[in-house]
Amino acid sequence: MRFDVTAATVARALFDGAPDGIVVSDVSDVIVDVNAAALRKFGVAREEVVGKRLDVIVLGDRVRVPCEIDGQKFFLSFLREPSAEPSADPSNEGDRFTVLVVDDDPQVRWAIESVLSRAGYRVVAAHNADDAVTIAHDIVIHALVTDLVLPGLSGLALASAVLAFRPDTKVLYVSGMHQVGADRLQPGTAFLPKPFAPAELLERLRTLLA
């Protein structure tokens, strides 16, 4: 089976499906985008907040993270509900694991990194297979999350290369263009079609690492 999903679609699905409210602002602190959780927190429509200054609309505890994609700088503000702060266990589900994320599209790579980091995983990333193999040689990784279509080696070939010297690594293939049949999935590997919600990504990874 073949899919046809753009990188923007994948990034948007992860952004809108995130349980935390996320507000995207430019370098002048003007809001350029908000996700569904943030709109629920504000109780307003998207068009009512986009274009307004961040310090006017954002209330409560937040974590602000600088980002850059294709030379464009912006900031992400993760909104936290004070009542959820004491329950640290769910947000640190992956604190014992290091995950290597490999995707040549910076939007998708960042979106996956963000979801996993917020869940407590230690995340390292690469945009091609060669860099990924080097990273896997240098540090112990517990899971590899890789796109199937990469510059150079494919995701399947990358996984084979990593498993040759780190056989205990779990592998999660993701793709919006192709699908890996069950007959090609070895024990300790799984496939997740793009686009996917953050909860789907976390659940699939949690199952692999259990």
C-alpha atoms as a PDB file:
ATOM      1  CA  MET A   1       0.000   0.000   0.000  1.00  0.00           C
ATOM      2  CA  ARG A   2       1.222   3.496  -0.823  1.00  0.00           C
ATOM      3  CA  PHE A   3       0.371   6.673   1.065  1.00  0.00           C
ATOM      4  CA  ASP A   4       0.747  10.274  -0.062  1.00  0.00           C
ATOM      5  CA  VAL A   5       1.171  12.465   3.005  1.00  0.00           C
ATOM      6  CA  THR A   6       3.133  15.702   3.103  1.00  0.00           C
ATOM      7  CA  ALA A   7       5.574  16.578   5.855  1.00  0.00           C
ATOM      8  CA  ALA A   8       3.429  19.574   6.738  1.00  0.00           C
ATOM      9  CA  THR A   9       0.454  17.261   7.307  1.00  0.00           C
ATOM     10  CA  VAL A  10       2.468  15.106   9.706  1.00  0.00           C
ATOM     11  CA  ALA A  11       3.836  18.068  11.648  1.00  0.00           C
ATOM     12  CA  ARG A  12       0.354  19.587  11.850  1.00  0.00           C
ATOM     13  CA  ALA A  13      -1.143  16.365  13.209  1.00  0.00           C
ATOM     14  CA  LEU A  14       1.468  16.177  15.962  1.00  0.00           C
ATOM     15  CA  PHE A  15       1.086  19.881  16.748  1.00  0.00           C
ATOM     16  CA  ASP A  16      -2.710  19.843  16.950  1.00  0.00           C
ATOM     17  CA  GLY A  17      -2.833  16.551  18.806  1.00  0.00           C
ATOM     18  CA  ALA A  18      -0.368  17.507  21.546  1.00  0.00           C
ATOM     19  CA  PRO A  19      -1.945  17.354  25.032  1.00  0.00           C
ATOM     20  CA  ASP A  20      -0.125  20.524  26.090  1.00  0.00           C
ATOM     21  CA  GLY A  21      -1.257  23.857  24.763  1.00  0.00           C
ATOM     22  CA  ILE A  22       1.347  25.154  22.302  1.00  0.00           C
ATOM     23  CA  VAL A  23       1.598  28.745  21.085  1.00  0.00           C
ATOM     24  CA  VAL A  24       3.954  29.655  18.223  1.00  0.00           C
ATOM     25  CA  SER A  25       5.275  33.225  18.227  1.00  0.00           C
ATOM     26  CA  ASP A  26       7.711  35.125  16.042  1.00  0.00           C
ATOM     27  CA  VAL A  27      10.814  36.987  17.170  1.00  0.00           C
ATOM     28  CA  SER A  28       8.624  40.017  17.974  1.00  0.00           C
ATOM     29  CA  ASP A  29       6.489  37.877  20.335  1.00  0.00           C
ATOM     30  CA  VAL A  30       3.470  38.034  18.033  1.00  0.00           C
ATOM     31  CA  ILE A  31       1.382  34.854  17.967  1.00  0.00           C
ATOM     32  CA  VAL A  32       1.437  33.173  14.549  1.00  0.00           C
ATOM     33  CA  ASP A  33      -0.215  29.855  15.417  1.00  0.00           C
ATOM     34  CA  VAL A  34      -1.855  27.948  18.285  1.00  0.00           C
ATOM     35  CA  ASN A  35      -2.853  24.322  18.684  1.00  0.00           C
ATOM     36  CA  ALA A  36      -6.199  22.868  19.736  1.00  0.00           C
ATOM     37  CA  ALA A  37      -5.215  22.392  23.396  1.00  0.00           C
ATOM     38  CA  ALA A  38      -4.222  26.067  23.675  1.00  0.00           C
ATOM     39  CA  LEU A  39      -7.511  27.185  22.152  1.00  0.00           C
ATOM     40  CA  ARG A  40      -9.396  25.066  24.680  1.00  0.00           C
ATOM     41  CA  LYS A  41      -7.390  26.712  27.465  1.00  0.00           C
ATOM     42  CA  PHE A  42      -8.142  30.198  26.155  1.00  0.00           C
ATOM     43  CA  GLY A  43     -11.758  29.390  25.275  1.00  0.00           C
ATOM     44  CA  VAL A  44     -11.501  31.354  22.038  1.00  0.00           C
ATOM     45  CA  ALA A  45     -11.302  30.760  18.292  1.00  0.00           C
ATOM     46  CA  ARG A  46      -7.939  30.656  16.502  1.00  0.00           C
ATOM     47  CA  GLU A  47      -8.562  33.890  14.588  1.00  0.00           C
ATOM     48  CA  GLU A  48      -9.112  35.730  17.871  1.00  0.00           C
ATOM     49  CA  VAL A  49      -5.578  35.098  19.147  1.00  0.00           C
ATOM     50  CA  VAL A  50      -3.369  34.952  16.045  1.00  0.00           C
ATOM     51  CA  GLY A  51      -1.738  38.332  15.540  1.00  0.00           C
ATOM     52  CA  LYS A  52      -1.866  39.335  19.194  1.00  0.00           C
ATOM     53  CA  ARG A  53       1.157  39.720  21.447  1.00  0.00           C
ATOM     54  CA  LEU A  54       2.148  36.724  23.526  1.00  0.00           C
ATOM     55  CA  ASP A  55       2.280  38.569  26.856  1.00  0.00           C
ATOM     56  CA  VAL A  56      -1.335  39.674  26.434  1.00  0.00           C
ATOM     57  CA  ILE A  57      -2.874  36.276  25.753  1.00  0.00           C
ATOM     58  CA  VAL A  58      -0.700  33.646  27.475  1.00  0.00           C
ATOM     59  CA  LEU A  59      -1.547  33.097  31.132  1.00  0.00           C
ATOM     60  CA  GLY A  60      -0.157  30.708  33.740  1.00  0.00           C
ATOM     61  CA  ASP A  61       2.937  28.519  33.789  1.00  0.00           C
ATOM     62  CA  ARG A  62       4.717  27.992  30.468  1.00  0.00           C
ATOM     63  CA  VAL A  63       7.955  26.693  29.009  1.00  0.00           C
ATOM     64  CA  ARG A  64       9.389  28.740  26.129  1.00  0.00           C
ATOM     65  CA  VAL A  65      11.621  27.007  23.570  1.00  0.00           C
ATOM     66  CA  PRO A  66      13.491  28.723  20.692  1.00  0.00           C
ATOM     67  CA  CYS A  67      13.344  26.924  17.322  1.00  0.00           C
ATOM     68  CA  GLU A  68      14.516  27.414  13.768  1.00  0.00           C
ATOM     69  CA  ILE A  69      13.345  25.729  10.547  1.00  0.00           C
ATOM     70  CA  ASP A  70      14.805  26.624   7.162  1.00  0.00           C
ATOM     71  CA  GLY A  71      16.396  29.749   8.607  1.00  0.00           C
ATOM     72  CA  GLN A  72      13.139  31.042  10.124  1.00  0.00           C
ATOM     73  CA  LYS A  73      13.363  31.647  13.866  1.00  0.00           C
ATOM     74  CA  PHE A  74      10.357  31.328  16.149  1.00  0.00           C
ATOM     75  CA  PHE A  75       9.421  30.356  19.704  1.00  0.00           C
ATOM     76  CA  LEU A  76       7.197  27.651  21.127  1.00  0.00           C
ATOM     77  CA  SER A  77       5.406  28.270  24.408  1.00  0.00           C
ATOM     78  CA  PHE A  78       4.171  25.073  26.085  1.00  0.00           C
ATOM     79  CA  LEU A  79       1.315  25.905  28.435  1.00  0.00           C
ATOM     80  CA  ARG A  80       1.055  23.879  31.624  1.00  0.00           C
ATOM     81  CA  GLU A  81      -1.943  23.497  33.868  1.00  0.00           C
ATOM     82  CA  PRO A  82      -0.838  24.001  37.502  1.00  0.00           C
ATOM     83  CA  SER A  83      -3.049  21.123  38.648  1.00  0.00           C
ATOM     84  CA  ALA A  84      -1.191  18.696  36.389  1.00  0.00           C
ATOM     85  CA  GLU A  85       2.242  19.612  37.699  1.00  0.00           C
ATOM     86  CA  PRO A  86       2.392  17.217  40.692  1.00  0.00           C
ATOM     87  CA  SER A  87       1.656  14.126  38.578  1.00  0.00           C
ATOM     88  CA  ALA A  88       5.146  13.871  37.127  1.00  0.00           C
ATOM     89  CA  ASP A  89       5.053  10.146  36.361  1.00  0.00           C
ATOM     90  CA  PRO A  90       3.037  10.273  33.081  1.00  0.00           C
ATOM     91  CA  SER A  91       5.212  13.047  31.675  1.00  0.00           C
ATOM     92  CA  ASN A  92       8.411  11.116  32.420  1.00  0.00           C
ATOM     93  CA  GLU A  93       7.425   7.764  30.958  1.00  0.00           C
ATOM     94  CA  GLY A  94      10.584   7.553  28.880  1.00  0.00           C
ATOM     95  CA  ASP A  95      13.181   8.899  31.296  1.00  0.00           C
ATOM     96  CA  ARG A  96      15.139   5.615  31.184  1.00  0.00           C
ATOM     97  CA  PHE A  97      15.403   5.524  27.390  1.00  0.00           C
ATOM     98  CA  THR A  98      17.375   7.261  24.641  1.00  0.00           C
ATOM     99  CA  VAL A  99      15.650   7.508  21.269  1.00  0.00           C
ATOM    100  CA  LEU A 100      17.306   8.309  17.942  1.00  0.00           C
ATOM    101  CA  VAL A 101      14.928  10.122  15.565  1.00  0.00           C
ATOM    102  CA  VAL A 102      15.829  10.135  11.861  1.00  0.00           C
ATOM    103  CA  ASP A 103      13.875  12.150   9.292  1.00  0.00           C
ATOM    104  CA  ASP A 104      15.180  14.378   6.508  1.00  0.00           C
ATOM    105  CA  ASP A 105      12.288  16.845   6.865  1.00  0.00           C
ATOM    106  CA  PRO A 106      13.069  19.338   9.655  1.00  0.00           C
ATOM    107  CA  GLN A 107       9.395  19.998  10.485  1.00  0.00           C
ATOM    108  CA  VAL A 108       8.605  16.331  11.034  1.00  0.00           C
ATOM    109  CA  ARG A 109      11.886  15.678  12.831  1.00  0.00           C
ATOM    110  CA  TRP A 110      11.290  18.579  15.204  1.00  0.00           C
ATOM    111  CA  ALA A 111       7.671  17.578  15.825  1.00  0.00           C
ATOM    112  CA  ILE A 112       8.610  14.004  16.763  1.00  0.00           C
ATOM    113  CA  GLU A 113      11.505  15.236  18.912  1.00  0.00           C
ATOM    114  CA  SER A 114       9.165  17.604  20.726  1.00  0.00           C
ATOM    115  CA  VAL A 115       6.568  14.926  21.519  1.00  0.00           C
ATOM    116  CA  LEU A 116       9.170  12.462  22.782  1.00  0.00           C
ATOM    117  CA  SER A 117      11.104  15.047  24.795  1.00  0.00           C
ATOM    118  CA  ARG A 118       7.927  16.195  26.534  1.00  0.00           C
ATOM    119  CA  ALA A 119       7.270  12.569  27.484  1.00  0.00           C
ATOM    120  CA  GLY A 120      10.652  12.394  29.212  1.00  0.00           C
ATOM    121  CA  TYR A 121      12.692  10.556  26.592  1.00  0.00           C
ATOM    122  CA  ARG A 122      16.272  11.595  25.912  1.00  0.00           C
ATOM    123  CA  VAL A 123      16.152  12.388  22.195  1.00  0.00           C
ATOM    124  CA  VAL A 124      18.967  12.655  19.664  1.00  0.00           C
ATOM    125  CA  ALA A 125      18.279  13.326  16.005  1.00  0.00           C
ATOM    126  CA  ALA A 126      19.769  12.992  12.535  1.00  0.00           C
ATOM    127  CA  HIS A 127      18.588  14.023   9.078  1.00  0.00           C
ATOM    128  CA  ASN A 128      20.187  11.142   7.167  1.00  0.00           C
ATOM    129  CA  ALA A 129      21.231   7.530   7.648  1.00  0.00           C
ATOM    130  CA  ASP A 130      24.988   8.159   7.670  1.00  0.00           C
ATOM    131  CA  ASP A 131      24.756  10.592  10.579  1.00  0.00           C
ATOM    132  CA  ALA A 132      22.360   8.245  12.365  1.00  0.00           C
ATOM    133  CA  VAL A 133      24.800   5.321  12.160  1.00  0.00           C
ATOM    134  CA  THR A 134      27.575   7.518  13.556  1.00  0.00           C
ATOM    135  CA  ILE A 135      25.385   8.594  16.479  1.00  0.00           C
ATOM    136  CA  ALA A 136      24.354   5.011  17.213  1.00  0.00           C
ATOM    137  CA  HIS A 137      28.027   4.025  17.287  1.00  0.00           C
ATOM    138  CA  ASP A 138      28.871   6.826  19.721  1.00  0.00           C
ATOM    139  CA  ILE A 139      26.045   6.433  22.250  1.00  0.00           C
ATOM    140  CA  VAL A 140      23.747   3.666  23.437  1.00  0.00           C
ATOM    141  CA  ILE A 141      20.267   4.075  21.973  1.00  0.00           C
ATOM    142  CA  HIS A 142      17.254   2.089  23.113  1.00  0.00           C
ATOM    143  CA  ALA A 143      14.981   2.887  20.177  1.00  0.00           C
ATOM    144  CA  LEU A 144      15.282   4.112  16.596  1.00  0.00           C
ATOM    145  CA  VAL A 145      12.393   6.074  15.082  1.00  0.00           C
ATOM    146  CA  THR A 146      13.087   6.437  11.378  1.00  0.00           C
ATOM    147  CA  ASP A 147      11.360   7.476   8.194  1.00  0.00           C
ATOM    148  CA  LEU A 148      11.489   4.846   5.463  1.00  0.00           C
ATOM    149  CA  VAL A 149      12.622   7.257   2.733  1.00  0.00           C
ATOM    150  CA  LEU A 150      15.934   8.945   3.562  1.00  0.00           C
ATOM    151  CA  PRO A 151      18.872  10.385   1.629  1.00  0.00           C
ATOM    152  CA  GLY A 152      21.327   7.548   1.012  1.00  0.00           C
ATOM    153  CA  LEU A 153      20.354   4.414   2.914  1.00  0.00           C
ATOM    154  CA  SER A 154      16.646   3.682   3.343  1.00  0.00           C
ATOM    155  CA  GLY A 155      15.102   3.415   6.778  1.00  0.00           C
ATOM    156  CA  LEU A 156      15.091  -0.378   6.476  1.00  0.00           C
ATOM    157  CA  ALA A 157      18.791  -0.445   5.558  1.00  0.00           C
ATOM    158  CA  LEU A 158      19.577   1.993   8.370  1.00  0.00           C
ATOM    159  CA  ALA A 159      17.830  -0.233  10.891  1.00  0.00           C
ATOM    160  CA  SER A 160      19.760  -3.277   9.654  1.00  0.00           C
ATOM    161  CA  ALA A 161      23.038  -1.377  10.003  1.00  0.00           C
ATOM    162  CA  VAL A 162      22.235  -0.245  13.552  1.00  0.00           C
ATOM    163  CA  LEU A 163      20.952  -3.648  14.652  1.00  0.00           C
ATOM    164  CA  ALA A 164      24.191  -5.239  13.446  1.00  0.00           C
ATOM    165  CA  PHE A 165      26.091  -3.628  16.332  1.00  0.00           C
ATOM    166  CA  ARG A 166      23.195  -2.720  18.692  1.00  0.00           C
ATOM    167  CA  PRO A 167      20.934  -5.787  18.400  1.00  0.00           C
ATOM    168  CA  ASP A 168      18.739  -4.824  21.376  1.00  0.00           C
ATOM    169  CA  THR A 169      17.592  -1.558  19.765  1.00  0.00           C
ATOM    170  CA  LYS A 170      13.839  -1.322  19.130  1.00  0.00           C
ATOM    171  CA  VAL A 171      12.844   0.122  15.750  1.00  0.00           C
ATOM    172  CA  LEU A 172       9.753   2.149  14.845  1.00  0.00           C
ATOM    173  CA  TYR A 173       9.372   2.842  11.116  1.00  0.00           C
ATOM    174  CA  VAL A 174       7.212   5.825  10.123  1.00  0.00           C
ATOM    175  CA  SER A 175       6.162   6.847   6.632  1.00  0.00           C
ATOM    176  CA  GLY A 176       3.475   8.683   4.719  1.00  0.00           C
ATOM    177  CA  MET A 177       4.516   7.205   1.374  1.00  0.00           C
ATOM    178  CA  HIS A 178       5.030   3.487   1.942  1.00  0.00           C
ATOM    179  CA  GLN A 179       3.969   0.788   4.331  1.00  0.00           C
ATOM    180  CA  VAL A 180       5.970  -2.060   5.849  1.00  0.00           C
ATOM    181  CA  GLY A 181       4.037  -5.322   5.740  1.00  0.00           C
ATOM    182  CA  ALA A 182       3.774  -7.441   8.859  1.00  0.00           C
ATOM    183  CA  ASP A 183       5.838 -10.139   7.137  1.00  0.00           C
ATOM    184  CA  ARG A 184       8.802  -7.741   6.956  1.00  0.00           C
ATOM    185  CA  LEU A 185       8.635  -6.656  10.588  1.00  0.00           C
ATOM    186  CA  GLN A 186      11.086  -8.515  12.794  1.00  0.00           C
ATOM    187  CA  PRO A 187      10.552  -8.868  16.570  1.00  0.00           C
ATOM    188  CA  GLY A 188      11.247  -5.548  18.260  1.00  0.00           C
ATOM    189  CA  THR A 189      10.121  -3.493  15.250  1.00  0.00           C
ATOM    190  CA  ALA A 190       6.835  -1.784  14.361  1.00  0.00           C
ATOM    191  CA  PHE A 191       5.357   0.507  11.719  1.00  0.00           C
ATOM    192  CA  LEU A 192       3.313   3.695  12.195  1.00  0.00           C
ATOM    193  CA  PRO A 193       1.765   5.401   9.142  1.00  0.00           C
ATOM    194  CA  LYS A 194       1.912   9.191   8.862  1.00  0.00           C
ATOM    195  CA  PRO A 195       0.155  11.313   9.898  1.00  0.00           C
ATOM    196  CA  PHE A 196      -0.243  10.169  13.483  1.00  0.00           C
ATOM    197  CA  ALA A 197      -1.299  11.771  16.748  1.00  0.00           C
ATOM    198  CA  PRO A 198       1.211  12.243  19.582  1.00  0.00           C
ATOM    199  CA  ALA A 199      -0.641   9.659  21.665  1.00  0.00           C
ATOM    200  CA  GLU A 200      -0.280   7.069  18.878  1.00  0.00           C
ATOM    201  CA  LEU A 201       3.459   7.681  18.645  1.00  0.00           C
ATOM    202  CA  LEU A 202       3.940   7.407  22.403  1.00  0.00           C
ATOM    203  CA  GLU A 203       1.791   4.289  22.710  1.00  0.00           C
ATOM    204  CA  ARG A 204       3.603   2.484  19.888  1.00  0.00           C
ATOM    205  CA  LEU A 205       7.000   3.357  21.344  1.00  0.00           C
ATOM    206  CA  ARG A 206       5.896   2.413  24.854  1.00  0.00           C
ATOM    207  CA  THR A 207       4.783  -0.999  23.583  1.00  0.00           C
ATOM    208  CA  LEU A 208       8.109  -1.589  21.827  1.00  0.00           C
ATOM    209  CA  LEU A 209      10.142  -0.687  24.899  1.00  0.00           C
ATOM    210  CA  ALA A 210       8.000  -2.612  27.394  1.00  0.00           C
END
